[in-house]
Amino acid sequence: MNNYTCTHCGTVGLSEGFIEDAGEHSRGYARWIEGAMDRGLFGGAKRLGRTRRQIVAFRCPKCGHLELFVTDEA
C-alpha cells in the first residue's frame, strides 16, 4: 500500500498497475513519448530521437479513477 491520494475522490492508498499495449510489435506496456505527435509518410507516429518513458498507472479502489505517471526508465 502507498500514500498516493486520488485526485478525484481523495481516497488514500492507490493500487499500482500498468497500461497494457497489445498492438503489433509491442513490448507489452504503453510508453509516453515527449513532444507533440507528428505523423510519418505512412501515417504512423514519428518516434526517432524522442525521449520515451514507461507509463505506470495507479487505480483508486473506491471510485476506479486512474492516475498515470511516467517512470525515469526509458
N, C-alpha and C. Protein backbone atom coordinates (compact mmCIF):
# COMPACT_ATOMS: atom_id res chain seq x y z
N MET A 1 0.85 -1.18 0.00
CA MET A 1 0.00 0.00 0.00
C MET A 1 0.89 1.24 0.00
N ASN A 2 0.46 2.30 -0.67
CA ASN A 2 1.22 3.53 -0.73
C ASN A 2 0.37 4.68 -0.20
N ASN A 3 0.94 5.86 -0.18
CA ASN A 3 0.23 7.03 0.35
C ASN A 3 -0.27 7.96 -0.75
N TYR A 4 -0.31 7.47 -2.00
CA TYR A 4 -0.84 8.31 -3.08
C TYR A 4 -2.32 8.56 -2.84
N THR A 5 -2.75 9.78 -3.13
CA THR A 5 -4.14 10.18 -2.92
C THR A 5 -4.84 10.37 -4.26
N CYS A 6 -6.05 9.86 -4.37
CA CYS A 6 -6.85 10.01 -5.58
C CYS A 6 -7.23 11.48 -5.75
N THR A 7 -6.95 12.04 -6.91
CA THR A 7 -7.29 13.44 -7.16
C THR A 7 -8.77 13.62 -7.46
N HIS A 8 -9.50 12.51 -7.63
CA HIS A 8 -10.93 12.59 -7.92
C HIS A 8 -11.78 12.56 -6.65
N CYS A 9 -11.51 11.59 -5.75
CA CYS A 9 -12.35 11.45 -4.56
C CYS A 9 -11.62 11.62 -3.24
N GLY A 10 -10.26 11.69 -3.27
CA GLY A 10 -9.49 11.91 -2.04
C GLY A 10 -9.10 10.66 -1.28
N THR A 11 -9.42 9.47 -1.79
CA THR A 11 -9.05 8.22 -1.12
C THR A 11 -7.54 8.07 -1.10
N VAL A 12 -6.98 7.64 0.03
CA VAL A 12 -5.54 7.42 0.16
C VAL A 12 -5.25 5.93 -0.02
N GLY A 13 -4.20 5.61 -0.75
CA GLY A 13 -3.78 4.23 -0.97
C GLY A 13 -4.28 3.70 -2.29
N LEU A 14 -3.59 4.05 -3.37
CA LEU A 14 -3.98 3.62 -4.71
C LEU A 14 -3.27 2.32 -5.09
N SER A 15 -3.90 1.52 -5.93
CA SER A 15 -3.32 0.26 -6.39
C SER A 15 -2.46 0.48 -7.62
N GLU A 16 -1.21 0.00 -7.58
CA GLU A 16 -0.30 0.20 -8.71
C GLU A 16 -0.56 -0.82 -9.81
N GLY A 17 -0.41 -0.39 -11.05
CA GLY A 17 -0.56 -1.26 -12.21
C GLY A 17 0.13 -0.66 -13.41
N PHE A 18 -0.24 -1.10 -14.62
CA PHE A 18 0.33 -0.54 -15.85
C PHE A 18 -0.71 -0.61 -16.95
N ILE A 19 -0.49 0.14 -18.00
CA ILE A 19 -1.37 0.16 -19.16
C ILE A 19 -0.78 -0.80 -20.19
N GLU A 20 -1.52 -1.83 -20.55
CA GLU A 20 -1.02 -2.83 -21.49
C GLU A 20 -1.17 -2.35 -22.93
N ASP A 21 -0.18 -2.63 -23.74
CA ASP A 21 -0.23 -2.37 -25.17
C ASP A 21 -0.07 -3.72 -25.86
N ALA A 22 -1.14 -4.19 -26.49
CA ALA A 22 -1.11 -5.49 -27.14
C ALA A 22 -1.06 -5.37 -28.66
N GLY A 23 -0.66 -4.21 -29.17
CA GLY A 23 -0.60 -3.98 -30.61
C GLY A 23 0.56 -4.71 -31.26
N GLU A 24 0.63 -4.63 -32.57
CA GLU A 24 1.71 -5.28 -33.31
C GLU A 24 3.07 -4.76 -32.87
N HIS A 25 4.00 -5.67 -32.67
CA HIS A 25 5.38 -5.35 -32.30
C HIS A 25 5.47 -4.62 -30.97
N SER A 26 4.48 -4.74 -30.10
CA SER A 26 4.52 -4.03 -28.82
C SER A 26 5.39 -4.78 -27.82
N ARG A 27 5.82 -4.07 -26.81
CA ARG A 27 6.61 -4.67 -25.74
C ARG A 27 5.72 -5.10 -24.57
N GLY A 28 4.43 -4.91 -24.69
CA GLY A 28 3.51 -5.33 -23.65
C GLY A 28 3.08 -4.22 -22.72
N TYR A 29 3.69 -3.06 -22.84
CA TYR A 29 3.32 -1.93 -22.00
C TYR A 29 3.35 -0.66 -22.84
N ALA A 30 2.57 0.31 -22.44
CA ALA A 30 2.50 1.58 -23.17
C ALA A 30 3.66 2.48 -22.76
N ARG A 31 4.03 3.39 -23.64
CA ARG A 31 5.10 4.34 -23.35
C ARG A 31 4.62 5.75 -23.65
N TRP A 32 5.17 6.70 -22.92
CA TRP A 32 4.95 8.12 -23.15
C TRP A 32 6.12 8.61 -23.99
N ILE A 33 5.83 9.37 -25.04
CA ILE A 33 6.87 9.91 -25.92
C ILE A 33 6.78 11.43 -25.89
N GLU A 34 7.90 12.06 -25.63
CA GLU A 34 7.94 13.51 -25.47
C GLU A 34 7.61 14.25 -26.77
N GLY A 35 6.88 15.35 -26.66
CA GLY A 35 6.58 16.21 -27.80
C GLY A 35 5.24 15.88 -28.45
N ALA A 36 4.77 16.83 -29.23
CA ALA A 36 3.51 16.64 -29.97
C ALA A 36 3.71 15.55 -31.03
N MET A 37 2.64 14.82 -31.33
CA MET A 37 2.75 13.74 -32.30
C MET A 37 2.80 14.28 -33.73
N ASP A 38 3.80 13.82 -34.47
CA ASP A 38 3.91 14.08 -35.90
C ASP A 38 3.76 12.74 -36.60
N ARG A 39 3.08 12.76 -37.74
CA ARG A 39 2.90 11.51 -38.50
C ARG A 39 3.93 11.42 -39.62
N GLY A 40 4.39 10.21 -39.83
CA GLY A 40 5.36 9.95 -40.89
C GLY A 40 4.68 9.72 -42.23
N LEU A 41 5.44 9.34 -43.20
CA LEU A 41 4.99 9.13 -44.57
C LEU A 41 3.83 8.14 -44.67
N PHE A 42 3.86 7.08 -43.85
CA PHE A 42 2.83 6.04 -43.92
C PHE A 42 1.77 6.18 -42.83
N GLY A 43 1.73 7.32 -42.15
CA GLY A 43 0.68 7.60 -41.17
C GLY A 43 1.00 7.26 -39.73
N GLY A 44 2.10 6.55 -39.49
CA GLY A 44 2.49 6.21 -38.12
C GLY A 44 3.16 7.39 -37.43
N ALA A 45 3.23 7.33 -36.12
CA ALA A 45 3.85 8.40 -35.34
C ALA A 45 5.37 8.39 -35.52
N LYS A 46 5.95 9.56 -35.69
CA LYS A 46 7.41 9.68 -35.74
C LYS A 46 7.94 9.62 -34.31
N ARG A 47 8.88 8.69 -34.07
CA ARG A 47 9.41 8.49 -32.73
C ARG A 47 10.93 8.61 -32.66
N LEU A 48 11.59 8.57 -33.77
CA LEU A 48 13.05 8.54 -33.81
C LEU A 48 13.66 9.74 -33.10
N GLY A 49 14.55 9.48 -32.14
CA GLY A 49 15.26 10.53 -31.43
C GLY A 49 14.48 11.19 -30.31
N ARG A 50 13.31 10.70 -30.00
CA ARG A 50 12.49 11.29 -28.94
C ARG A 50 12.65 10.52 -27.63
N THR A 51 12.53 11.23 -26.53
CA THR A 51 12.58 10.61 -25.21
C THR A 51 11.35 9.73 -25.03
N ARG A 52 11.56 8.51 -24.51
CA ARG A 52 10.47 7.56 -24.26
C ARG A 52 10.52 7.14 -22.81
N ARG A 53 9.38 7.06 -22.18
CA ARG A 53 9.29 6.66 -20.78
C ARG A 53 8.15 5.66 -20.61
N GLN A 54 8.33 4.69 -19.73
CA GLN A 54 7.28 3.73 -19.42
C GLN A 54 6.22 4.41 -18.55
N ILE A 55 4.95 4.03 -18.76
CA ILE A 55 3.84 4.58 -18.00
C ILE A 55 3.45 3.62 -16.88
N VAL A 56 3.27 4.15 -15.67
CA VAL A 56 2.70 3.36 -14.58
C VAL A 56 1.34 3.97 -14.23
N ALA A 57 0.44 3.13 -13.80
CA ALA A 57 -0.92 3.58 -13.50
C ALA A 57 -1.27 3.22 -12.06
N PHE A 58 -1.99 4.11 -11.40
CA PHE A 58 -2.49 3.85 -10.05
C PHE A 58 -4.00 3.99 -10.09
N ARG A 59 -4.71 2.97 -9.59
CA ARG A 59 -6.17 2.94 -9.61
C ARG A 59 -6.71 3.14 -8.20
N CYS A 60 -7.71 3.98 -8.10
CA CYS A 60 -8.37 4.22 -6.82
C CYS A 60 -9.30 3.04 -6.53
N PRO A 61 -9.16 2.40 -5.36
CA PRO A 61 -10.02 1.26 -5.03
C PRO A 61 -11.47 1.66 -4.76
N LYS A 62 -11.70 2.93 -4.48
CA LYS A 62 -13.05 3.39 -4.17
C LYS A 62 -13.84 3.81 -5.42
N CYS A 63 -13.26 4.69 -6.24
CA CYS A 63 -14.01 5.23 -7.39
C CYS A 63 -13.52 4.73 -8.74
N GLY A 64 -12.36 4.04 -8.78
CA GLY A 64 -11.84 3.50 -10.03
C GLY A 64 -11.06 4.48 -10.89
N HIS A 65 -10.90 5.72 -10.42
CA HIS A 65 -10.15 6.74 -11.18
C HIS A 65 -8.70 6.28 -11.37
N LEU A 66 -8.14 6.54 -12.56
CA LEU A 66 -6.74 6.21 -12.83
C LEU A 66 -5.87 7.45 -12.79
N GLU A 67 -4.72 7.33 -12.15
CA GLU A 67 -3.69 8.35 -12.16
C GLU A 67 -2.53 7.76 -12.94
N LEU A 68 -2.07 8.44 -13.98
CA LEU A 68 -0.98 7.95 -14.81
C LEU A 68 0.28 8.78 -14.57
N PHE A 69 1.42 8.09 -14.49
CA PHE A 69 2.72 8.75 -14.31
C PHE A 69 3.72 8.07 -15.24
N VAL A 70 4.77 8.78 -15.58
CA VAL A 70 5.86 8.18 -16.34
C VAL A 70 7.01 7.91 -15.39
N THR A 71 7.75 6.84 -15.66
CA THR A 71 8.90 6.49 -14.83
C THR A 71 10.14 7.19 -15.37
N ASP A 72 11.23 7.08 -14.65
CA ASP A 72 12.51 7.61 -15.11
C ASP A 72 13.18 6.66 -16.08
N GLU A 73 12.65 5.44 -16.19
CA GLU A 73 13.22 4.43 -17.09
C GLU A 73 12.79 4.69 -18.52
N ALA A 74 13.73 4.54 -19.44
CA ALA A 74 13.41 4.72 -20.86
C ALA A 74 12.72 3.52 -21.42
